[in-house]
């Protein structure tokens, strides 16, 4: 075997080993590992042992429930290879969604929703070790104006009256783990039943889907 051929063979072996290592590393990113590594600051209702119980219960029966540190109940309602939904308390919900990237790695999309009593959500991104990632480029910013519209048949005065009802402006997000998508909508403030029905006429939803690099 010539020296040149030997070098090429060595490079191919090294490349194969690198690919195998990458596959092993990727396989180690499991929902169990991610939840067990969640920082205490993100799950103040739980300690490490409680989270372990939740995961074990969910692995056996699909759902887990424990008494949390505040003597309330925390449940792991959905537990799958790439999605988990936790009811931290009666008013706090957390959803964790794995997002595979075209770069070859996986990041976490975490949606925290607080029902107080109208839902409001915060969407954040992390790497699998819970290092925060900038959402710049991952989710395009938008505001209230993207979630309302004036029907052609509605007078401007009526549209403006209804728009003023949206105060405070609370935006809720729902996760579709199968589609790897998010849907954003405006929560209705504390209004009468009639006002809530009237407000429906100007409300929109914003749907965005993960394409391997961004939600759009």
Protein backbone atom coordinates (compact mmCIF):
# COMPACT_ATOMS: atom_id res chain seq x y z
CA UNK A 1 0.00 0.00 0.00
CA UNK A 2 1.40 3.37 -0.98
CA UNK A 3 1.86 6.15 1.55
CA UNK A 4 -0.85 8.21 -0.16
CA UNK A 5 -3.38 5.39 -0.02
CA UNK A 6 -2.53 4.77 3.63
CA UNK A 7 -3.22 8.42 4.45
CA UNK A 8 -6.56 8.34 2.64
CA UNK A 9 -7.57 5.15 4.46
CA UNK A 10 -6.64 6.75 7.78
CA UNK A 11 -8.73 9.81 6.98
CA UNK A 12 -11.74 7.66 6.06
CA UNK A 13 -11.46 5.69 9.30
CA UNK A 14 -11.25 8.91 11.29
CA UNK A 15 -14.29 10.30 9.49
CA UNK A 16 -16.27 7.13 10.18
CA UNK A 17 -15.35 7.26 13.87
CA UNK A 18 -16.37 10.92 14.01
CA UNK A 19 -19.76 10.13 12.46
CA UNK A 20 -20.32 7.26 14.87
CA UNK A 21 -19.44 9.49 17.83
CA UNK A 22 -21.89 12.08 16.58
CA UNK A 23 -24.67 9.50 16.36
CA UNK A 24 -23.93 8.27 19.88
CA UNK A 25 -23.91 11.82 21.24
CA UNK A 26 -27.21 12.53 19.52
CA UNK A 27 -28.74 9.34 20.89
CA UNK A 28 -27.84 10.42 24.40
CA UNK A 29 -30.12 13.48 24.12
CA UNK A 30 -33.22 11.87 25.62
CA UNK A 31 -36.20 13.51 27.26
CA UNK A 32 -35.36 11.70 30.49
CA UNK A 33 -31.84 13.17 30.55
CA UNK A 34 -33.07 16.64 29.66
CA UNK A 35 -35.76 16.71 32.37
CA UNK A 36 -33.41 15.29 34.99
CA UNK A 37 -30.85 17.99 34.15
CA UNK A 38 -33.38 20.85 34.37
CA UNK A 39 -32.01 23.61 36.63
CA UNK A 40 -33.74 24.11 39.97
CA UNK A 41 -34.45 27.72 39.02
CA UNK A 42 -36.69 26.49 36.20
CA UNK A 43 -38.58 24.00 38.33
CA UNK A 44 -38.90 25.67 41.75
CA UNK A 45 -41.77 23.36 42.67
CA UNK A 46 -39.58 20.26 42.41
CA UNK A 47 -36.30 18.82 43.61
CA UNK A 48 -34.20 16.29 41.72
CA UNK A 49 -35.80 13.33 43.48
CA UNK A 50 -39.32 14.53 42.67
CA UNK A 51 -38.46 14.99 39.01
CA UNK A 52 -37.03 11.48 38.97
CA UNK A 53 -40.28 10.09 40.38
CA UNK A 54 -42.30 11.97 37.75
CA UNK A 55 -40.19 10.56 34.93
CA UNK A 56 -40.30 7.02 36.29
CA UNK A 57 -44.08 7.12 36.70
CA UNK A 58 -44.48 8.55 33.17
CA UNK A 59 -42.19 5.91 31.68
CA UNK A 60 -44.36 3.17 33.21
CA UNK A 61 -47.85 4.55 32.62
CA UNK A 62 -47.51 7.59 30.36
CA UNK A 63 -48.21 10.07 33.16
CA UNK A 64 -46.65 10.94 36.50
CA UNK A 65 -47.81 12.92 39.53
CA UNK A 66 -46.07 13.92 42.76
CA UNK A 67 -46.62 16.20 45.71
CA UNK A 68 -44.31 19.17 45.15
CA UNK A 69 -42.28 21.29 47.57
CA UNK A 70 -45.22 23.67 48.09
CA UNK A 71 -47.48 20.78 49.13
CA UNK A 72 -49.36 21.07 45.86
CA UNK A 73 -49.41 18.68 42.92
CA UNK A 74 -47.08 18.64 39.92
CA UNK A 75 -47.80 16.27 37.06
CA UNK A 76 -46.01 15.10 33.94
CA UNK A 77 -49.00 14.87 31.64
CA UNK A 78 -47.30 14.02 28.33
CA UNK A 79 -43.95 12.26 28.06
CA UNK A 80 -42.63 11.25 24.65
CA UNK A 81 -39.19 11.01 23.02
CA UNK A 82 -39.34 14.61 21.79
CA UNK A 83 -42.02 16.36 23.86
CA UNK A 84 -43.01 16.74 27.49
CA UNK A 85 -45.82 18.70 29.10
CA UNK A 86 -45.73 19.42 32.82
CA UNK A 87 -48.41 21.01 35.00
CA UNK A 88 -46.14 22.59 37.58
CA UNK A 89 -49.11 23.83 39.60
CA UNK A 90 -52.76 24.65 39.05
CA UNK A 91 -51.77 27.84 37.21
CA UNK A 92 -48.29 27.12 35.75
CA UNK A 93 -47.55 24.87 32.77
CA UNK A 94 -44.25 24.03 31.07
CA UNK A 95 -43.80 22.39 27.67
CA UNK A 96 -40.45 21.11 26.37
CA UNK A 97 -40.09 20.38 22.65
CA UNK A 98 -37.00 18.96 20.94
CA UNK A 99 -36.13 20.81 17.74
CA UNK A 100 -33.69 19.01 15.39
CA UNK A 101 -31.63 21.44 13.35
CA UNK A 102 -30.25 21.09 9.86
CA UNK A 103 -26.86 21.75 11.47
CA UNK A 104 -27.13 18.25 12.94
CA UNK A 105 -27.77 19.15 16.58
CA UNK A 106 -30.91 19.45 18.69
CA UNK A 107 -32.12 22.40 20.74
CA UNK A 108 -34.96 22.82 23.22
CA UNK A 109 -38.00 25.02 22.80
CA UNK A 110 -39.52 25.69 26.22
CA UNK A 111 -42.95 27.29 26.57
CA UNK A 112 -43.99 28.44 30.03
CA UNK A 113 -47.64 29.42 30.38
CA UNK A 114 -49.14 31.10 33.43
CA UNK A 115 -52.90 31.14 33.86
CA UNK A 116 -53.67 34.16 35.93
CA UNK A 117 -56.60 33.72 35.11
CA UNK A 118 -56.03 34.54 31.42
CA UNK A 119 -53.11 32.59 29.88
CA UNK A 120 -49.80 34.30 29.10
CA UNK A 121 -46.82 32.44 27.63
CA UNK A 122 -43.08 32.93 27.40
CA UNK A 123 -41.07 31.07 24.75
CA UNK A 124 -37.36 30.45 25.32
CA UNK A 125 -34.66 28.31 23.71
CA UNK A 126 -31.87 26.22 25.26
CA UNK A 127 -29.26 23.70 24.29
CA UNK A 128 -29.68 20.17 25.75
CA UNK A 129 -27.62 21.13 28.82
CA UNK A 130 -30.01 24.04 29.51
CA UNK A 131 -27.66 26.76 28.37
CA UNK A 132 -29.88 29.66 27.22
CA UNK A 133 -29.83 30.45 23.52
CA UNK A 134 -30.72 33.74 21.91
CA UNK A 135 -34.04 33.59 20.11
CA UNK A 136 -32.61 35.85 17.41
CA UNK A 137 -33.23 34.01 14.17
CA UNK A 138 -35.11 31.17 15.89
CA UNK A 139 -38.41 33.01 16.31
CA UNK A 140 -39.18 36.28 14.57
CA UNK A 141 -40.52 38.92 16.99
CA UNK A 142 -44.08 40.14 16.62
CA UNK A 143 -46.58 42.19 18.60
CA UNK A 144 -50.29 42.71 19.15
CA UNK A 145 -50.76 44.11 15.64
CA UNK A 146 -49.99 40.69 14.14
CA UNK A 147 -52.86 39.16 16.11
CA UNK A 148 -55.70 41.56 15.23
CA UNK A 149 -57.30 42.73 12.03
CA UNK A 150 -60.23 44.95 11.06
CA UNK A 151 -62.95 43.20 9.07
CA UNK A 152 -63.89 45.03 5.89
CA UNK A 153 -67.45 45.42 7.10
CA UNK A 154 -66.50 46.89 10.50
CA UNK A 155 -66.44 50.63 11.10
CA UNK A 156 -63.09 52.04 12.21
CA UNK A 157 -64.67 53.43 15.38
CA UNK A 158 -65.88 49.97 16.40
CA UNK A 159 -62.52 48.40 15.57
CA UNK A 160 -60.69 50.95 17.71
CA UNK A 161 -63.16 50.43 20.56
CA UNK A 162 -62.58 46.68 20.51
CA UNK A 163 -58.80 47.13 20.21
CA UNK A 164 -58.77 49.22 23.37
CA UNK A 165 -60.31 46.29 25.25
CA UNK A 166 -57.06 44.35 24.79
CA UNK A 167 -55.44 45.77 27.89
CA UNK A 168 -53.25 44.33 29.22
CA UNK A 169 -51.92 42.60 26.11
CA UNK A 170 -51.37 38.95 27.01
CA UNK A 171 -50.13 36.52 24.36
CA UNK A 172 -50.58 32.77 24.79
CA UNK A 173 -48.71 30.07 22.87
CA UNK A 174 -49.82 26.51 22.19
CA UNK A 175 -47.50 23.72 21.04
CA UNK A 176 -48.20 21.09 18.41
CA UNK A 177 -45.45 18.49 19.00
CA UNK A 178 -46.36 16.41 15.94
CA UNK A 179 -46.00 19.37 13.57
CA UNK A 180 -43.28 21.05 15.67
CA UNK A 181 -45.27 24.24 15.44
CA UNK A 182 -46.41 27.08 17.69
CA UNK A 183 -49.68 28.96 17.55
CA UNK A 184 -49.92 32.36 19.19
CA UNK A 185 -53.14 34.10 20.17
CA UNK A 186 -54.23 37.05 22.28
CA UNK A 187 -55.78 36.18 25.60
CA UNK A 188 -59.03 37.92 26.31
CA UNK A 189 -58.79 40.25 29.27
CA UNK A 190 -61.35 40.14 32.05
CA UNK A 191 -64.42 41.23 30.15
CA UNK A 192 -68.09 40.43 30.10
CA UNK A 193 -69.29 37.48 28.04
CA UNK A 194 -70.76 39.83 25.43
CA UNK A 195 -67.55 41.85 25.11
CA UNK A 196 -65.49 38.67 24.71
CA UNK A 197 -67.75 37.51 21.91
CA UNK A 198 -67.50 40.92 20.22
CA UNK A 199 -63.70 40.83 20.51
CA UNK A 200 -63.56 37.55 18.59
CA UNK A 201 -64.40 39.48 15.43
CA UNK A 202 -60.96 41.13 15.31
CA UNK A 203 -58.71 38.43 16.76
CA UNK A 204 -56.26 36.40 14.69
CA UNK A 205 -53.86 33.55 15.41
CA UNK A 206 -50.24 33.42 14.31
CA UNK A 207 -49.03 29.96 13.24
CA UNK A 208 -45.34 29.22 12.82
CA UNK A 209 -43.64 25.90 12.02
CA UNK A 210 -40.08 24.73 12.63
CA UNK A 211 -38.13 24.25 9.38
CA UNK A 212 -34.84 23.03 10.84
CA UNK A 213 -33.46 26.47 11.52
CA UNK A 214 -36.26 28.82 12.50
CA UNK A 215 -39.98 29.09 13.21
CA UNK A 216 -41.73 30.67 10.26
